[in-house]
C-alpha cells in the first residue's frame, strides 16, 4: 500500500511515521539524480554534506524518461558530445580528487540500480554504496544479478528491488521531477529554482545561503 511504500522511501535519518511519504510530498529542496550520470556521482558528496545542515531529499529518477519527455538526446548519443562529456567528467573528478572509473559499459541500463536504491529507502548509505560500486570501482550495474553484492551489503532481502511497489515509486519520482521542470541530472531543486549539473553546485549553495540572489533585477529579467 501507499503507506508501506512511503516508509520504504524514507532516508536513514527518518523515524517518524508522519514523515513516511516525504519523498513524494516534500515540496522544498530536492536532489534529483540517476546513477547513469557520473556528474551526479561527483555532486553527491557535496549534496550529502549540505544535508547535514539543510533539508534536502535525494530523489532517484530515470533520466531516459526525462530526456524522452523533453525531446532531448542524451550526451552519449552525439559522438562529439560523448567524447567531450567523458573527458570533462574525468577532468572534474581529478580536479576534485575523487576516484572515478567508468563501468564496463556506458550508457547502461540504470533501472536495477535505481530500484535497489528505492528498495533501500533512498538512504544516504544506499546511495553511497551504489555510487561506489558503479563509479568508484567501475563495476557493472545493469542487472540485479550484477548488484547482488551491494544488495547483500545493504541487508535487503532477495527480490526487494523487483517489487511492483518499487517500480511504481520510481515512476512517481520521475513524474514529480518532470512536474518540477527538471530537464537533466543531477538537478538540485531549491524550492522552485532548479540548479542543473555538478558545475552549478556553487551557484546553488550561494542561493541556499542567500535566496535574495535570485531577486536581483537582472536575475529576474532574464528569467522572464
C-alpha atoms as a PDB file:
ATOM      1  CA  UNK A   1       0.000   0.000   0.000  1.00  0.00           C
ATOM      2  CA  UNK A   2       0.980   3.648  -0.262  1.00  0.00           C
ATOM      3  CA  UNK A   3       1.935   3.975   3.410  1.00  0.00           C
ATOM      4  CA  UNK A   4       4.286   0.991   3.249  1.00  0.00           C
ATOM      5  CA  UNK A   5       5.813   2.243   0.025  1.00  0.00           C
ATOM      6  CA  UNK A   6       6.341   5.692   1.524  1.00  0.00           C
ATOM      7  CA  UNK A   7       8.059   4.115   4.520  1.00  0.00           C
ATOM      8  CA  UNK A   8      10.458   2.252   2.241  1.00  0.00           C
ATOM      9  CA  UNK A   9      11.333   5.505   0.525  1.00  0.00           C
ATOM     10  CA  UNK A  10      12.409   7.268   3.724  1.00  0.00           C
ATOM     11  CA  UNK A  11      16.049   8.171   4.339  1.00  0.00           C
ATOM     12  CA  UNK A  12      18.085   6.594   7.137  1.00  0.00           C
ATOM     13  CA  UNK A  13      17.560   9.543   9.434  1.00  0.00           C
ATOM     14  CA  UNK A  14      13.747   9.355   9.349  1.00  0.00           C
ATOM     15  CA  UNK A  15      11.995   7.513  12.141  1.00  0.00           C
ATOM     16  CA  UNK A  16       8.652   9.289  12.497  1.00  0.00           C
ATOM     17  CA  UNK A  17       5.625   7.826  10.793  1.00  0.00           C
ATOM     18  CA  UNK A  18       4.363  11.284   9.903  1.00  0.00           C
ATOM     19  CA  UNK A  19       7.398  11.665   7.637  1.00  0.00           C
ATOM     20  CA  UNK A  20       6.869   8.388   5.778  1.00  0.00           C
ATOM     21  CA  UNK A  21       5.882   9.933   2.479  1.00  0.00           C
ATOM     22  CA  UNK A  22       8.397  12.752   2.460  1.00  0.00           C
ATOM     23  CA  UNK A  23       9.986  11.662  -0.823  1.00  0.00           C
ATOM     24  CA  UNK A  24       6.767  12.337  -2.708  1.00  0.00           C
ATOM     25  CA  UNK A  25       5.244  15.143  -0.610  1.00  0.00           C
ATOM     26  CA  UNK A  26       8.155  17.365   0.424  1.00  0.00           C
ATOM     27  CA  UNK A  27       7.959  20.428  -1.799  1.00  0.00           C
ATOM     28  CA  UNK A  28      11.047  22.289  -0.616  1.00  0.00           C
ATOM     29  CA  UNK A  29      14.533  21.099  -1.504  1.00  0.00           C
ATOM     30  CA  UNK A  30      15.275  18.006  -3.564  1.00  0.00           C
ATOM     31  CA  UNK A  31      18.233  16.483  -5.351  1.00  0.00           C
ATOM     32  CA  UNK A  32      17.181  14.609  -8.486  1.00  0.00           C
ATOM     33  CA  UNK A  33      19.675  12.040  -9.723  1.00  0.00           C
ATOM     34  CA  UNK A  34      20.206   8.939 -11.830  1.00  0.00           C
ATOM     35  CA  UNK A  35      23.079   6.528 -11.290  1.00  0.00           C
ATOM     36  CA  UNK A  36      23.812   6.645 -15.024  1.00  0.00           C
ATOM     37  CA  UNK A  37      25.270  10.133 -14.590  1.00  0.00           C
ATOM     38  CA  UNK A  38      28.915  10.424 -13.473  1.00  0.00           C
ATOM     39  CA  UNK A  39      28.301  14.113 -12.826  1.00  0.00           C
ATOM     40  CA  UNK A  40      25.665  13.154 -10.254  1.00  0.00           C
ATOM     41  CA  UNK A  41      28.260  10.859  -8.671  1.00  0.00           C
ATOM     42  CA  UNK A  42      30.642  13.806  -8.362  1.00  0.00           C
ATOM     43  CA  UNK A  43      27.988  16.078  -6.869  1.00  0.00           C
ATOM     44  CA  UNK A  44      26.636  13.556  -4.381  1.00  0.00           C
ATOM     45  CA  UNK A  45      29.320  14.059  -1.673  1.00  0.00           C
ATOM     46  CA  UNK A  46      28.692  17.796  -1.796  1.00  0.00           C
ATOM     47  CA  UNK A  47      24.931  17.331  -1.572  1.00  0.00           C
ATOM     48  CA  UNK A  48      25.332  14.885   1.294  1.00  0.00           C
ATOM     49  CA  UNK A  49      27.410  17.487   3.143  1.00  0.00           C
ATOM     50  CA  UNK A  50      24.643  20.060   2.642  1.00  0.00           C
ATOM     51  CA  UNK A  51      22.100  17.587   4.016  1.00  0.00           C
ATOM     52  CA  UNK A  52      23.797  17.851   7.413  1.00  0.00           C
ATOM     53  CA  UNK A  53      22.517  21.421   7.718  1.00  0.00           C
ATOM     54  CA  UNK A  54      19.636  21.675   5.260  1.00  0.00           C
ATOM     55  CA  UNK A  55      16.550  19.609   4.492  1.00  0.00           C
ATOM     56  CA  UNK A  56      17.334  18.129   1.085  1.00  0.00           C
ATOM     57  CA  UNK A  57      15.625  14.973  -0.156  1.00  0.00           C
ATOM     58  CA  UNK A  58      17.525  12.756  -2.632  1.00  0.00           C
ATOM     59  CA  UNK A  59      15.104  11.606  -5.343  1.00  0.00           C
ATOM     60  CA  UNK A  60      16.149   8.855  -7.784  1.00  0.00           C
ATOM     61  CA  UNK A  61      14.660   9.309 -11.257  1.00  0.00           C
ATOM     62  CA  UNK A  62      15.020   7.766 -14.697  1.00  0.00           C
ATOM     63  CA  UNK A  63      16.952  10.215 -16.884  1.00  0.00           C
ATOM     64  CA  UNK A  64      15.923   8.437 -20.085  1.00  0.00           C
ATOM     65  CA  UNK A  65      12.260   9.174 -19.342  1.00  0.00           C
ATOM     66  CA  UNK A  66      13.074  12.825 -18.671  1.00  0.00           C
ATOM     67  CA  UNK A  67      15.018  13.189 -21.908  1.00  0.00           C
ATOM     68  CA  UNK A  68      12.226  11.498 -23.840  1.00  0.00           C
ATOM     69  CA  UNK A  69       9.612  13.798 -22.311  1.00  0.00           C
ATOM     70  CA  UNK A  70      11.714  16.865 -23.146  1.00  0.00           C
ATOM     71  CA  UNK A  71      12.571  15.696 -26.666  1.00  0.00           C
ATOM     72  CA  UNK A  72      16.304  15.689 -25.905  1.00  0.00           C
ATOM     73  CA  UNK A  73      19.136  13.345 -26.805  1.00  0.00           C
ATOM     74  CA  UNK A  74      21.490  12.033 -24.167  1.00  0.00           C
ATOM     75  CA  UNK A  75      25.118  13.241 -24.308  1.00  0.00           C
ATOM     76  CA  UNK A  76      26.339   9.797 -25.384  1.00  0.00           C
ATOM     77  CA  UNK A  77      24.006   9.839 -28.401  1.00  0.00           C
ATOM     78  CA  UNK A  78      26.045  12.618 -30.050  1.00  0.00           C
ATOM     79  CA  UNK A  79      29.579  11.313 -30.777  1.00  0.00           C
ATOM     80  CA  UNK A  80      31.440  14.591 -30.378  1.00  0.00           C
ATOM     81  CA  UNK A  81      29.467  15.475 -27.234  1.00  0.00           C
ATOM     82  CA  UNK A  82      30.117  11.993 -25.835  1.00  0.00           C
ATOM     83  CA  UNK A  83      33.878  12.423 -26.231  1.00  0.00           C
ATOM     84  CA  UNK A  84      33.830  15.836 -24.573  1.00  0.00           C
ATOM     85  CA  UNK A  85      31.488  14.746 -21.767  1.00  0.00           C
ATOM     86  CA  UNK A  86      33.547  11.706 -20.788  1.00  0.00           C
ATOM     87  CA  UNK A  87      36.791  13.661 -20.806  1.00  0.00           C
ATOM     88  CA  UNK A  88      35.227  16.557 -18.942  1.00  0.00           C
ATOM     89  CA  UNK A  89      33.881  14.392 -16.122  1.00  0.00           C
ATOM     90  CA  UNK A  90      37.249  12.645 -15.753  1.00  0.00           C
ATOM     91  CA  UNK A  91      38.921  16.047 -15.532  1.00  0.00           C
ATOM     92  CA  UNK A  92      36.380  17.231 -12.940  1.00  0.00           C
ATOM     93  CA  UNK A  93      36.956  14.098 -10.863  1.00  0.00           C
ATOM     94  CA  UNK A  94      40.721  14.534 -10.915  1.00  0.00           C
ATOM     95  CA  UNK A  95      40.430  18.220 -10.033  1.00  0.00           C
ATOM     96  CA  UNK A  96      38.219  17.281  -7.073  1.00  0.00           C
ATOM     97  CA  UNK A  97      40.422  14.387  -6.014  1.00  0.00           C
ATOM     98  CA  UNK A  98      37.527  11.946  -6.389  1.00  0.00           C
ATOM     99  CA  UNK A  99      38.195   8.428  -7.722  1.00  0.00           C
ATOM    100  CA  UNK A 100      36.263   7.770 -10.918  1.00  0.00           C
ATOM    101  CA  UNK A 101      36.365   4.667 -13.088  1.00  0.00           C
ATOM    102  CA  UNK A 102      33.785   4.135 -15.812  1.00  0.00           C
ATOM    103  CA  UNK A 103      31.766   0.907 -15.618  1.00  0.00           C
ATOM    104  CA  UNK A 104      32.309  -1.721 -18.359  1.00  0.00           C
ATOM    105  CA  UNK A 105      29.550  -0.207 -20.488  1.00  0.00           C
ATOM    106  CA  UNK A 106      28.169   3.321 -20.687  1.00  0.00           C
ATOM    107  CA  UNK A 107      25.408   4.223 -21.178  1.00  0.00           C
ATOM    108  CA  UNK A 108      23.968   1.289 -19.258  1.00  0.00           C
ATOM    109  CA  UNK A 109      20.507   0.361 -18.040  1.00  0.00           C
ATOM    110  CA  UNK A 110      20.205   2.147 -14.657  1.00  0.00           C
ATOM    111  CA  UNK A 111      16.830   0.639 -13.682  1.00  0.00           C
ATOM    112  CA  UNK A 112      18.266  -2.098 -11.418  1.00  0.00           C
ATOM    113  CA  UNK A 113      20.395   0.426  -9.505  1.00  0.00           C
ATOM    114  CA  UNK A 114      17.557   2.940  -9.194  1.00  0.00           C
ATOM    115  CA  UNK A 115      15.144   0.283  -7.965  1.00  0.00           C
ATOM    116  CA  UNK A 116      17.678  -1.064  -5.491  1.00  0.00           C
ATOM    117  CA  UNK A 117      18.131   2.447  -4.140  1.00  0.00           C
ATOM    118  CA  UNK A 118      14.385   2.906  -3.707  1.00  0.00           C
ATOM    119  CA  UNK A 119      14.069  -0.510  -2.066  1.00  0.00           C
ATOM    120  CA  UNK A 120      16.637   0.721   0.467  1.00  0.00           C
ATOM    121  CA  UNK A 121      14.595   3.864   1.121  1.00  0.00           C
ATOM    122  CA  UNK A 122      16.863   6.078  -0.991  1.00  0.00           C
ATOM    123  CA  UNK A 123      19.003   6.370   2.134  1.00  0.00           C
ATOM    124  CA  UNK A 124      22.371   8.100   2.088  1.00  0.00           C
ATOM    125  CA  UNK A 125      24.023   4.753   2.811  1.00  0.00           C
ATOM    126  CA  UNK A 126      22.380   3.098  -0.191  1.00  0.00           C
ATOM    127  CA  UNK A 127      23.329   5.969  -2.496  1.00  0.00           C
ATOM    128  CA  UNK A 128      26.903   5.800  -1.206  1.00  0.00           C
ATOM    129  CA  UNK A 129      27.088   2.047  -1.775  1.00  0.00           C
ATOM    130  CA  UNK A 130      25.647   2.072  -5.276  1.00  0.00           C
ATOM    131  CA  UNK A 131      27.764   5.001  -6.430  1.00  0.00           C
ATOM    132  CA  UNK A 132      30.888   3.387  -5.012  1.00  0.00           C
ATOM    133  CA  UNK A 133      30.102   0.146  -6.856  1.00  0.00           C
ATOM    134  CA  UNK A 134      29.473   1.799 -10.224  1.00  0.00           C
ATOM    135  CA  UNK A 135      31.694   4.865 -10.352  1.00  0.00           C
ATOM    136  CA  UNK A 136      34.493   4.328  -7.830  1.00  0.00           C
ATOM    137  CA  UNK A 137      35.038   0.622  -8.526  1.00  0.00           C
ATOM    138  CA  UNK A 138      33.861   0.734 -12.156  1.00  0.00           C
ATOM    139  CA  UNK A 139      31.613  -2.309 -11.853  1.00  0.00           C
ATOM    140  CA  UNK A 140      28.586  -3.320 -13.909  1.00  0.00           C
ATOM    141  CA  UNK A 141      25.159  -2.354 -12.569  1.00  0.00           C
ATOM    142  CA  UNK A 142      22.841  -3.098 -15.473  1.00  0.00           C
ATOM    143  CA  UNK A 143      21.264  -6.203 -13.876  1.00  0.00           C
ATOM    144  CA  UNK A 144      20.087  -7.096 -10.403  1.00  0.00           C
ATOM    145  CA  UNK A 145      22.483 -10.028 -10.510  1.00  0.00           C
ATOM    146  CA  UNK A 146      25.423  -7.660 -11.019  1.00  0.00           C
ATOM    147  CA  UNK A 147      24.275  -5.687  -7.980  1.00  0.00           C
ATOM    148  CA  UNK A 148      23.856  -8.704  -5.685  1.00  0.00           C
ATOM    149  CA  UNK A 149      26.923  -7.823  -3.560  1.00  0.00           C
ATOM    150  CA  UNK A 150      25.509  -4.341  -2.980  1.00  0.00           C
ATOM    151  CA  UNK A 151      22.072  -5.711  -2.053  1.00  0.00           C
ATOM    152  CA  UNK A 152      23.654  -8.095   0.424  1.00  0.00           C
ATOM    153  CA  UNK A 153      25.828  -5.354   1.915  1.00  0.00           C
ATOM    154  CA  UNK A 154      22.722  -3.199   2.404  1.00  0.00           C
ATOM    155  CA  UNK A 155      20.946  -6.068   4.140  1.00  0.00           C
ATOM    156  CA  UNK A 156      17.995  -6.145   1.755  1.00  0.00           C
ATOM    157  CA  UNK A 157      16.075  -9.363   1.123  1.00  0.00           C
ATOM    158  CA  UNK A 158      16.349 -11.042  -2.274  1.00  0.00           C
ATOM    159  CA  UNK A 159      13.831  -9.617  -4.738  1.00  0.00           C
ATOM    160  CA  UNK A 160      13.370  -6.389  -2.788  1.00  0.00           C
ATOM    161  CA  UNK A 161      14.267  -4.247  -5.793  1.00  0.00           C
ATOM    162  CA  UNK A 162      11.928  -6.068  -8.157  1.00  0.00           C
ATOM    163  CA  UNK A 163       8.599  -5.411  -6.471  1.00  0.00           C
ATOM    164  CA  UNK A 164       5.701  -3.614  -8.144  1.00  0.00           C
ATOM    165  CA  UNK A 165       5.733  -1.025  -5.339  1.00  0.00           C
ATOM    166  CA  UNK A 166       9.350  -0.113  -6.002  1.00  0.00           C
ATOM    167  CA  UNK A 167       8.774   0.129  -9.753  1.00  0.00           C
ATOM    168  CA  UNK A 168       5.748   2.349  -9.181  1.00  0.00           C
ATOM    169  CA  UNK A 169       7.701   4.611  -6.842  1.00  0.00           C
ATOM    170  CA  UNK A 170      10.402   5.165  -9.462  1.00  0.00           C
ATOM    171  CA  UNK A 171       7.737   6.181 -11.968  1.00  0.00           C
ATOM    172  CA  UNK A 172       6.205   8.521  -9.394  1.00  0.00           C
ATOM    173  CA  UNK A 173       9.554  10.130  -8.575  1.00  0.00           C
ATOM    174  CA  UNK A 174      10.251  10.679 -12.270  1.00  0.00           C
ATOM    175  CA  UNK A 175       6.814  12.218 -12.768  1.00  0.00           C
ATOM    176  CA  UNK A 176       7.449  14.545  -9.821  1.00  0.00           C
ATOM    177  CA  UNK A 177      10.731  15.618 -11.414  1.00  0.00           C
ATOM    178  CA  UNK A 178       9.028  16.347 -14.710  1.00  0.00           C
ATOM    179  CA  UNK A 179       6.307  18.332 -12.949  1.00  0.00           C
ATOM    180  CA  UNK A 180       9.031  20.377 -11.258  1.00  0.00           C
ATOM    181  CA  UNK A 181      10.538  21.238 -14.650  1.00  0.00           C
ATOM    182  CA  UNK A 182      13.608  19.005 -14.365  1.00  0.00           C
ATOM    183  CA  UNK A 183      15.348  18.501 -17.717  1.00  0.00           C
ATOM    184  CA  UNK A 184      18.531  16.691 -16.722  1.00  0.00           C
ATOM    185  CA  UNK A 185      20.543  15.221 -13.866  1.00  0.00           C
ATOM    186  CA  UNK A 186      21.858  15.993 -11.429  1.00  0.00           C
ATOM    187  CA  UNK A 187      19.443  18.756 -10.511  1.00  0.00           C
ATOM    188  CA  UNK A 188      19.319  20.431  -7.121  1.00  0.00           C
ATOM    189  CA  UNK A 189      15.888  21.970  -6.649  1.00  0.00           C
ATOM    190  CA  UNK A 190      15.694  24.683  -4.015  1.00  0.00           C
ATOM    191  CA  UNK A 191      12.021  25.460  -3.827  1.00  0.00           C
ATOM    192  CA  UNK A 192      11.065  26.243  -7.430  1.00  0.00           C
ATOM    193  CA  UNK A 193      14.604  27.133  -8.516  1.00  0.00           C
ATOM    194  CA  UNK A 194      16.487  24.443 -10.444  1.00  0.00           C
ATOM    195  CA  UNK A 195      20.286  24.117 -10.495  1.00  0.00           C
ATOM    196  CA  UNK A 196      21.424  21.636 -13.122  1.00  0.00           C
ATOM    197  CA  UNK A 197      24.786  19.971 -13.087  1.00  0.00           C
ATOM    198  CA  UNK A 198      27.707  19.405 -10.775  1.00  0.00           C
ATOM    199  CA  UNK A 199      29.254  22.630 -12.044  1.00  0.00           C
ATOM    200  CA  UNK A 200      26.202  24.599 -10.838  1.00  0.00           C
ATOM    201  CA  UNK A 201      26.695  23.464  -7.239  1.00  0.00           C
ATOM    202  CA  UNK A 202      28.460  26.612  -6.038  1.00  0.00           C
ATOM    203  CA  UNK A 203      25.665  28.731  -7.543  1.00  0.00           C
ATOM    204  CA  UNK A 204      23.072  26.616  -5.706  1.00  0.00           C
ATOM    205  CA  UNK A 205      24.935  26.923  -2.401  1.00  0.00           C
ATOM    206  CA  UNK A 206      25.080  30.709  -2.751  1.00  0.00           C
ATOM    207  CA  UNK A 207      21.318  30.825  -3.343  1.00  0.00           C
ATOM    208  CA  UNK A 208      20.702  28.436  -0.467  1.00  0.00           C
ATOM    209  CA  UNK A 209      22.579  30.812   1.807  1.00  0.00           C
ATOM    210  CA  UNK A 210      21.058  33.956   0.298  1.00  0.00           C
ATOM    211  CA  UNK A 211      17.779  33.386  -1.623  1.00  0.00           C
ATOM    212  CA  UNK A 212      17.654  37.108  -2.414  1.00  0.00           C
ATOM    213  CA  UNK A 213      20.308  36.493  -5.074  1.00  0.00           C
ATOM    214  CA  UNK A 214      17.573  35.342  -7.433  1.00  0.00           C
ATOM    215  CA  UNK A 215      15.610  38.518  -6.765  1.00  0.00           C
ATOM    216  CA  UNK A 216      18.338  40.657  -8.298  1.00  0.00           C
ATOM    217  CA  UNK A 217      16.735  42.767 -11.086  1.00  0.00           C
ATOM    218  CA  UNK A 218      18.856  41.231 -13.842  1.00  0.00           C
ATOM    219  CA  UNK A 219      18.315  37.693 -12.488  1.00  0.00           C
ATOM    220  CA  UNK A 220      14.567  38.310 -12.582  1.00  0.00           C
ATOM    221  CA  UNK A 221      14.682  39.932 -16.016  1.00  0.00           C
ATOM    222  CA  UNK A 222      16.491  37.047 -17.716  1.00  0.00           C
ATOM    223  CA  UNK A 223      14.073  34.557 -16.149  1.00  0.00           C
ATOM    224  CA  UNK A 224      11.020  36.218 -17.695  1.00  0.00           C
END
